[in-house]
N, C-alpha and C. Protein backbone atom coordinates (compact mmCIF):
# COMPACT_ATOMS: atom_id res chain seq x y z
N MET A 1 37.71 -13.72 -38.47
CA MET A 1 38.14 -12.74 -39.43
C MET A 1 37.15 -12.69 -40.59
N THR A 2 36.89 -11.51 -41.04
CA THR A 2 35.97 -11.31 -42.15
C THR A 2 36.66 -11.71 -43.45
N GLY A 3 35.98 -12.45 -44.29
CA GLY A 3 36.54 -12.85 -45.57
C GLY A 3 36.37 -11.77 -46.62
N VAL A 4 37.37 -11.62 -47.47
CA VAL A 4 37.32 -10.62 -48.52
C VAL A 4 36.19 -10.93 -49.49
N SER A 5 35.81 -12.20 -49.60
CA SER A 5 34.72 -12.56 -50.50
C SER A 5 33.40 -11.91 -50.09
N GLU A 6 33.32 -11.43 -48.86
CA GLU A 6 32.12 -10.74 -48.39
C GLU A 6 32.09 -9.29 -48.85
N MET A 7 33.18 -8.79 -49.41
CA MET A 7 33.25 -7.40 -49.84
C MET A 7 32.36 -7.19 -51.07
N LYS A 8 31.62 -6.08 -51.05
CA LYS A 8 30.72 -5.77 -52.17
C LYS A 8 30.96 -4.34 -52.62
N LEU A 9 30.97 -4.16 -53.93
CA LEU A 9 30.99 -2.82 -54.51
C LEU A 9 29.55 -2.34 -54.54
N ILE A 10 29.26 -1.26 -53.81
CA ILE A 10 27.89 -0.75 -53.72
C ILE A 10 27.60 0.24 -54.83
N ASN A 11 28.52 1.19 -55.07
CA ASN A 11 28.33 2.12 -56.18
C ASN A 11 29.66 2.66 -56.66
N TYR A 12 29.62 3.25 -57.84
CA TYR A 12 30.79 3.81 -58.49
C TYR A 12 30.35 5.08 -59.19
N LYS A 13 31.15 6.14 -59.11
CA LYS A 13 30.82 7.34 -59.85
C LYS A 13 32.08 8.09 -60.26
N VAL A 14 31.94 8.82 -61.33
CA VAL A 14 33.03 9.67 -61.82
C VAL A 14 32.84 11.04 -61.18
N LEU A 15 33.87 11.52 -60.49
CA LEU A 15 33.80 12.82 -59.84
C LEU A 15 34.39 13.94 -60.69
N LYS A 16 35.42 13.59 -61.49
CA LYS A 16 36.08 14.64 -62.24
C LYS A 16 36.80 14.07 -63.45
N THR A 17 36.69 14.76 -64.58
CA THR A 17 37.53 14.49 -65.74
C THR A 17 37.93 15.83 -66.33
N THR A 18 39.21 16.00 -66.59
CA THR A 18 39.68 17.21 -67.27
C THR A 18 40.71 16.80 -68.32
N PHE A 19 40.77 17.59 -69.37
CA PHE A 19 41.75 17.39 -70.42
C PHE A 19 42.11 18.75 -70.99
N GLU A 20 43.40 19.00 -71.14
CA GLU A 20 43.86 20.24 -71.77
C GLU A 20 45.00 19.90 -72.70
N LEU A 21 44.82 20.24 -73.97
CA LEU A 21 45.82 19.97 -74.98
C LEU A 21 46.97 20.96 -74.86
N ASN A 22 48.18 20.49 -74.96
CA ASN A 22 49.36 21.35 -75.00
C ASN A 22 49.63 21.63 -76.49
N GLU A 23 49.09 22.73 -76.98
CA GLU A 23 49.17 23.03 -78.42
C GLU A 23 50.58 23.32 -78.90
N SER A 24 51.48 23.65 -78.00
CA SER A 24 52.86 23.92 -78.41
C SER A 24 53.73 22.65 -78.46
N PHE A 25 53.15 21.53 -78.03
CA PHE A 25 53.90 20.27 -78.04
C PHE A 25 54.10 19.80 -79.47
N GLU A 26 55.33 19.40 -79.81
CA GLU A 26 55.64 18.89 -81.13
C GLU A 26 55.80 17.38 -81.06
N PHE A 27 54.89 16.68 -81.74
CA PHE A 27 54.97 15.21 -81.78
C PHE A 27 56.13 14.81 -82.68
N LYS A 28 57.01 14.00 -82.15
CA LYS A 28 58.15 13.48 -82.90
C LYS A 28 58.16 11.97 -82.74
N GLN A 29 59.00 11.32 -83.52
CA GLN A 29 59.14 9.87 -83.38
C GLN A 29 59.73 9.57 -82.01
N GLY A 30 59.37 8.46 -81.46
CA GLY A 30 59.91 8.05 -80.18
C GLY A 30 58.86 8.04 -79.10
N LYS A 31 59.28 7.54 -77.96
CA LYS A 31 58.39 7.38 -76.83
C LYS A 31 58.28 8.69 -76.05
N ILE A 32 57.07 9.00 -75.62
CA ILE A 32 56.84 10.16 -74.76
C ILE A 32 56.79 9.64 -73.33
N ASP A 33 57.63 10.19 -72.47
CA ASP A 33 57.71 9.74 -71.08
C ASP A 33 56.75 10.56 -70.23
N ILE A 34 55.66 9.95 -69.81
CA ILE A 34 54.66 10.63 -68.97
C ILE A 34 54.70 10.02 -67.58
N GLN A 35 54.85 10.87 -66.59
CA GLN A 35 54.87 10.44 -65.19
C GLN A 35 53.58 10.90 -64.51
N PRO A 36 52.64 10.00 -64.28
CA PRO A 36 51.39 10.38 -63.60
C PRO A 36 51.57 10.45 -62.09
N SER A 37 50.67 11.16 -61.46
CA SER A 37 50.61 11.22 -60.00
C SER A 37 49.27 10.61 -59.57
N PHE A 38 49.32 9.73 -58.56
CA PHE A 38 48.11 9.06 -58.08
C PHE A 38 47.78 9.53 -56.67
N ASN A 39 46.50 9.52 -56.34
CA ASN A 39 46.10 9.78 -54.96
C ASN A 39 44.91 8.90 -54.62
N ARG A 40 44.80 8.62 -53.31
CA ARG A 40 43.72 7.78 -52.82
C ARG A 40 43.32 8.29 -51.44
N ASP A 41 42.01 8.44 -51.24
CA ASP A 41 41.47 8.83 -49.94
C ASP A 41 40.44 7.80 -49.52
N ILE A 42 40.54 7.38 -48.26
CA ILE A 42 39.59 6.42 -47.70
C ILE A 42 38.76 7.15 -46.66
N THR A 43 37.45 6.99 -46.76
CA THR A 43 36.54 7.64 -45.82
C THR A 43 35.63 6.60 -45.19
N LYS A 44 35.56 6.62 -43.87
CA LYS A 44 34.66 5.71 -43.16
C LYS A 44 33.23 6.24 -43.28
N ILE A 45 32.33 5.36 -43.65
CA ILE A 45 30.90 5.70 -43.66
C ILE A 45 30.27 5.15 -42.39
N ASP A 46 30.48 3.86 -42.13
CA ASP A 46 30.04 3.23 -40.89
C ASP A 46 30.81 1.92 -40.71
N GLU A 47 30.39 1.08 -39.78
CA GLU A 47 31.13 -0.15 -39.49
C GLU A 47 31.17 -1.12 -40.67
N MET A 48 30.22 -0.98 -41.59
CA MET A 48 30.11 -1.91 -42.72
C MET A 48 30.52 -1.28 -44.05
N HIS A 49 30.62 0.06 -44.10
CA HIS A 49 30.81 0.73 -45.39
C HIS A 49 31.96 1.74 -45.34
N TYR A 50 32.65 1.84 -46.45
CA TYR A 50 33.71 2.83 -46.60
C TYR A 50 33.75 3.26 -48.06
N SER A 51 34.22 4.47 -48.29
CA SER A 51 34.35 4.93 -49.66
C SER A 51 35.82 5.19 -49.96
N ILE A 52 36.15 4.99 -51.20
CA ILE A 52 37.51 5.25 -51.67
C ILE A 52 37.41 6.19 -52.85
N LYS A 53 38.20 7.25 -52.79
CA LYS A 53 38.33 8.19 -53.90
C LYS A 53 39.71 7.94 -54.50
N LEU A 54 39.74 7.66 -55.78
CA LEU A 54 40.98 7.32 -56.48
C LEU A 54 41.18 8.28 -57.63
N GLY A 55 42.37 8.85 -57.74
CA GLY A 55 42.60 9.82 -58.80
C GLY A 55 43.96 9.68 -59.45
N ILE A 56 44.04 10.18 -60.66
CA ILE A 56 45.29 10.27 -61.41
C ILE A 56 45.36 11.66 -62.02
N LYS A 57 46.56 12.23 -61.98
CA LYS A 57 46.77 13.54 -62.56
C LYS A 57 48.03 13.50 -63.41
N ILE A 58 47.93 14.06 -64.60
CA ILE A 58 49.07 14.18 -65.51
C ILE A 58 49.18 15.66 -65.85
N SER A 59 50.34 16.24 -65.56
CA SER A 59 50.52 17.66 -65.87
C SER A 59 51.97 17.96 -66.17
N ASN A 60 52.21 19.09 -66.82
CA ASN A 60 53.58 19.52 -67.12
C ASN A 60 54.38 19.72 -65.85
N GLU A 61 53.74 20.17 -64.78
CA GLU A 61 54.44 20.41 -63.52
C GLU A 61 55.01 19.13 -62.93
N LEU A 62 54.38 18.00 -63.22
CA LEU A 62 54.80 16.72 -62.67
C LEU A 62 55.83 15.99 -63.54
N ASN A 63 56.10 16.52 -64.72
CA ASN A 63 56.98 15.83 -65.67
C ASN A 63 58.20 16.67 -66.00
N ARG A 64 59.31 15.99 -66.23
CA ARG A 64 60.57 16.67 -66.55
C ARG A 64 60.56 17.25 -67.95
N ASN A 65 60.00 16.52 -68.90
CA ASN A 65 59.97 16.95 -70.29
C ASN A 65 58.55 17.38 -70.67
N PRO A 66 58.43 18.21 -71.70
CA PRO A 66 57.08 18.61 -72.15
C PRO A 66 56.26 17.39 -72.54
N ILE A 67 54.97 17.46 -72.25
CA ILE A 67 54.04 16.37 -72.60
C ILE A 67 52.90 16.94 -73.44
N PRO A 68 52.22 16.10 -74.22
CA PRO A 68 51.22 16.61 -75.17
C PRO A 68 49.90 17.08 -74.56
N PHE A 69 49.67 16.78 -73.29
CA PHE A 69 48.40 17.14 -72.67
C PHE A 69 48.53 17.13 -71.16
N SER A 70 47.56 17.75 -70.51
CA SER A 70 47.35 17.61 -69.07
C SER A 70 45.98 16.98 -68.90
N ALA A 71 45.84 16.12 -67.92
CA ALA A 71 44.56 15.46 -67.70
C ALA A 71 44.44 15.05 -66.24
N GLU A 72 43.20 14.95 -65.80
CA GLU A 72 42.93 14.47 -64.45
C GLU A 72 41.64 13.68 -64.45
N VAL A 73 41.65 12.56 -63.73
CA VAL A 73 40.48 11.72 -63.57
C VAL A 73 40.37 11.36 -62.10
N VAL A 74 39.16 11.52 -61.53
CA VAL A 74 38.91 11.15 -60.14
C VAL A 74 37.61 10.35 -60.11
N ILE A 75 37.67 9.17 -59.48
CA ILE A 75 36.48 8.34 -59.33
C ILE A 75 36.29 8.01 -57.85
N SER A 76 35.07 7.60 -57.51
CA SER A 76 34.76 7.26 -56.13
C SER A 76 33.89 6.02 -56.11
N SER A 77 34.10 5.18 -55.11
CA SER A 77 33.29 3.97 -54.94
C SER A 77 32.99 3.75 -53.47
N VAL A 78 31.85 3.16 -53.22
CA VAL A 78 31.47 2.75 -51.87
C VAL A 78 31.50 1.23 -51.82
N PHE A 79 32.13 0.71 -50.78
CA PHE A 79 32.24 -0.72 -50.58
C PHE A 79 31.60 -1.11 -49.26
N GLU A 80 31.14 -2.37 -49.22
CA GLU A 80 30.59 -2.92 -48.00
C GLU A 80 31.44 -4.12 -47.61
N LEU A 81 31.86 -4.12 -46.34
CA LEU A 81 32.59 -5.25 -45.79
C LEU A 81 32.44 -5.18 -44.28
N PRO A 82 31.81 -6.20 -43.67
CA PRO A 82 31.66 -6.18 -42.21
C PRO A 82 33.02 -6.04 -41.53
N ASN A 83 33.08 -5.16 -40.54
CA ASN A 83 34.29 -4.95 -39.74
C ASN A 83 35.52 -4.63 -40.57
N TRP A 84 35.35 -3.82 -41.61
CA TRP A 84 36.45 -3.50 -42.52
C TRP A 84 37.60 -2.77 -41.84
N GLU A 85 37.34 -2.17 -40.67
CA GLU A 85 38.40 -1.45 -39.96
C GLU A 85 39.25 -2.34 -39.07
N ASP A 86 38.83 -3.60 -38.85
CA ASP A 86 39.62 -4.51 -38.02
C ASP A 86 41.01 -4.65 -38.62
N GLU A 87 41.98 -4.78 -37.74
CA GLU A 87 43.38 -4.85 -38.18
C GLU A 87 43.61 -5.93 -39.23
N ALA A 88 43.00 -7.07 -39.06
CA ALA A 88 43.21 -8.19 -39.99
C ALA A 88 42.59 -7.93 -41.36
N ALA A 89 41.53 -7.16 -41.44
CA ALA A 89 40.81 -6.97 -42.69
C ALA A 89 41.12 -5.64 -43.38
N ASN A 90 41.61 -4.68 -42.65
CA ASN A 90 41.72 -3.31 -43.17
C ASN A 90 42.57 -3.18 -44.43
N SER A 91 43.79 -3.62 -44.38
CA SER A 91 44.66 -3.42 -45.56
C SER A 91 44.18 -4.25 -46.74
N ILE A 92 43.66 -5.44 -46.46
CA ILE A 92 43.12 -6.27 -47.55
C ILE A 92 41.90 -5.58 -48.16
N ALA A 93 41.02 -5.05 -47.32
CA ALA A 93 39.81 -4.39 -47.81
C ALA A 93 40.16 -3.18 -48.68
N ILE A 94 41.09 -2.38 -48.22
CA ILE A 94 41.45 -1.16 -48.95
C ILE A 94 42.22 -1.50 -50.23
N ASN A 95 43.18 -2.40 -50.15
CA ASN A 95 43.95 -2.76 -51.35
C ASN A 95 43.10 -3.48 -52.39
N ASN A 96 42.22 -4.37 -51.96
CA ASN A 96 41.35 -5.06 -52.92
C ASN A 96 40.35 -4.10 -53.55
N ALA A 97 39.81 -3.18 -52.76
CA ALA A 97 38.88 -2.19 -53.31
C ALA A 97 39.59 -1.31 -54.33
N THR A 98 40.83 -0.91 -54.03
CA THR A 98 41.60 -0.09 -54.96
C THR A 98 41.88 -0.87 -56.24
N ALA A 99 42.22 -2.15 -56.10
CA ALA A 99 42.47 -2.99 -57.28
C ALA A 99 41.20 -3.15 -58.13
N ILE A 100 40.05 -3.21 -57.49
CA ILE A 100 38.78 -3.30 -58.22
C ILE A 100 38.53 -2.00 -58.99
N MET A 101 38.88 -0.87 -58.40
CA MET A 101 38.62 0.44 -59.02
C MET A 101 39.61 0.78 -60.13
N PHE A 102 40.83 0.25 -60.06
CA PHE A 102 41.88 0.65 -60.97
C PHE A 102 41.53 0.48 -62.46
N PRO A 103 40.91 -0.63 -62.88
CA PRO A 103 40.54 -0.73 -64.30
C PRO A 103 39.56 0.36 -64.75
N TYR A 104 38.68 0.80 -63.86
CA TYR A 104 37.77 1.90 -64.20
C TYR A 104 38.57 3.19 -64.43
N LEU A 105 39.52 3.46 -63.55
CA LEU A 105 40.37 4.64 -63.68
C LEU A 105 41.19 4.57 -64.97
N ARG A 106 41.74 3.42 -65.23
CA ARG A 106 42.58 3.19 -66.42
C ARG A 106 41.78 3.41 -67.71
N THR A 107 40.58 2.84 -67.78
CA THR A 107 39.73 2.97 -68.96
C THR A 107 39.26 4.41 -69.16
N LEU A 108 38.89 5.06 -68.07
CA LEU A 108 38.42 6.44 -68.17
C LEU A 108 39.52 7.37 -68.65
N MET A 109 40.75 7.20 -68.15
CA MET A 109 41.86 8.04 -68.61
C MET A 109 42.13 7.81 -70.10
N ALA A 110 42.07 6.57 -70.55
CA ALA A 110 42.26 6.27 -71.97
C ALA A 110 41.17 6.93 -72.82
N THR A 111 39.93 6.89 -72.35
CA THR A 111 38.81 7.49 -73.07
C THR A 111 38.94 9.00 -73.13
N VAL A 112 39.29 9.62 -72.01
CA VAL A 112 39.44 11.09 -71.96
C VAL A 112 40.52 11.55 -72.93
N THR A 113 41.66 10.87 -72.93
CA THR A 113 42.74 11.28 -73.83
C THR A 113 42.41 10.99 -75.28
N MET A 114 41.80 9.85 -75.55
CA MET A 114 41.42 9.52 -76.93
C MET A 114 40.42 10.55 -77.47
N ASN A 115 39.46 10.96 -76.64
CA ASN A 115 38.49 11.96 -77.07
C ASN A 115 39.10 13.35 -77.20
N GLY A 116 40.31 13.54 -76.64
CA GLY A 116 41.04 14.78 -76.80
C GLY A 116 41.86 14.80 -78.08
N ASN A 117 41.69 13.78 -78.90
CA ASN A 117 42.35 13.67 -80.20
C ASN A 117 43.87 13.52 -80.09
N VAL A 118 44.30 12.80 -79.06
CA VAL A 118 45.69 12.39 -78.94
C VAL A 118 45.67 10.87 -78.78
N PRO A 119 46.80 10.21 -79.00
CA PRO A 119 46.79 8.76 -78.77
C PRO A 119 46.36 8.46 -77.34
N PRO A 120 45.48 7.48 -77.15
CA PRO A 120 44.99 7.19 -75.79
C PRO A 120 46.13 6.85 -74.85
N TYR A 121 46.07 7.42 -73.67
CA TYR A 121 47.08 7.13 -72.65
C TYR A 121 46.58 5.94 -71.84
N MET A 122 47.29 4.81 -71.98
CA MET A 122 46.94 3.60 -71.24
C MET A 122 47.87 3.45 -70.06
N LEU A 123 47.31 3.49 -68.87
CA LEU A 123 48.09 3.24 -67.67
C LEU A 123 48.59 1.81 -67.71
N PRO A 124 49.83 1.58 -67.36
CA PRO A 124 50.29 0.20 -67.30
C PRO A 124 49.62 -0.53 -66.13
N ILE A 125 49.60 -1.83 -66.18
CA ILE A 125 49.10 -2.62 -65.06
C ILE A 125 50.11 -2.46 -63.93
N MET A 126 49.61 -2.19 -62.74
CA MET A 126 50.51 -1.87 -61.61
C MET A 126 50.17 -2.70 -60.39
N ASN A 127 51.14 -2.82 -59.51
CA ASN A 127 50.94 -3.43 -58.22
C ASN A 127 50.36 -2.35 -57.30
N ILE A 128 49.08 -2.44 -57.01
CA ILE A 128 48.38 -1.41 -56.23
C ILE A 128 48.96 -1.27 -54.83
N THR A 129 49.33 -2.37 -54.23
CA THR A 129 49.88 -2.32 -52.88
C THR A 129 51.16 -1.50 -52.85
N LYS A 130 52.02 -1.67 -53.84
CA LYS A 130 53.26 -0.90 -53.90
C LYS A 130 53.02 0.54 -54.30
N LEU A 131 52.00 0.78 -55.11
CA LEU A 131 51.70 2.13 -55.58
C LEU A 131 51.31 3.04 -54.42
N PHE A 132 50.55 2.50 -53.46
CA PHE A 132 50.13 3.30 -52.32
C PHE A 132 50.82 2.83 -51.07
């Protein structure tokens, strides 16, 4: 069995960032309940390499109550792991790669919202395996 310690992050890139302020939103005291939507796509490159595209989207359509902004962040990374498609290694390879990427996604979303002149939206720490 291939060890996860053999996994390498080859590259990382930002594919998309969007931010749109909801100018009609009225900031009041209290917590704003934002429900993000996540997506992940895995693409085989070859026997040793795979890419993962990880995204988060926040929009009024996805939330019950009005929210102060809409935003989307999509990142992509290429990983190397021998025999990553083998049954024993596949879920570990994909879940570990996603866990490696998540802090990048989290930081980028906070930066995008902060630069939009709203309080930065910090994604909570999550169990990646349960999320996907």
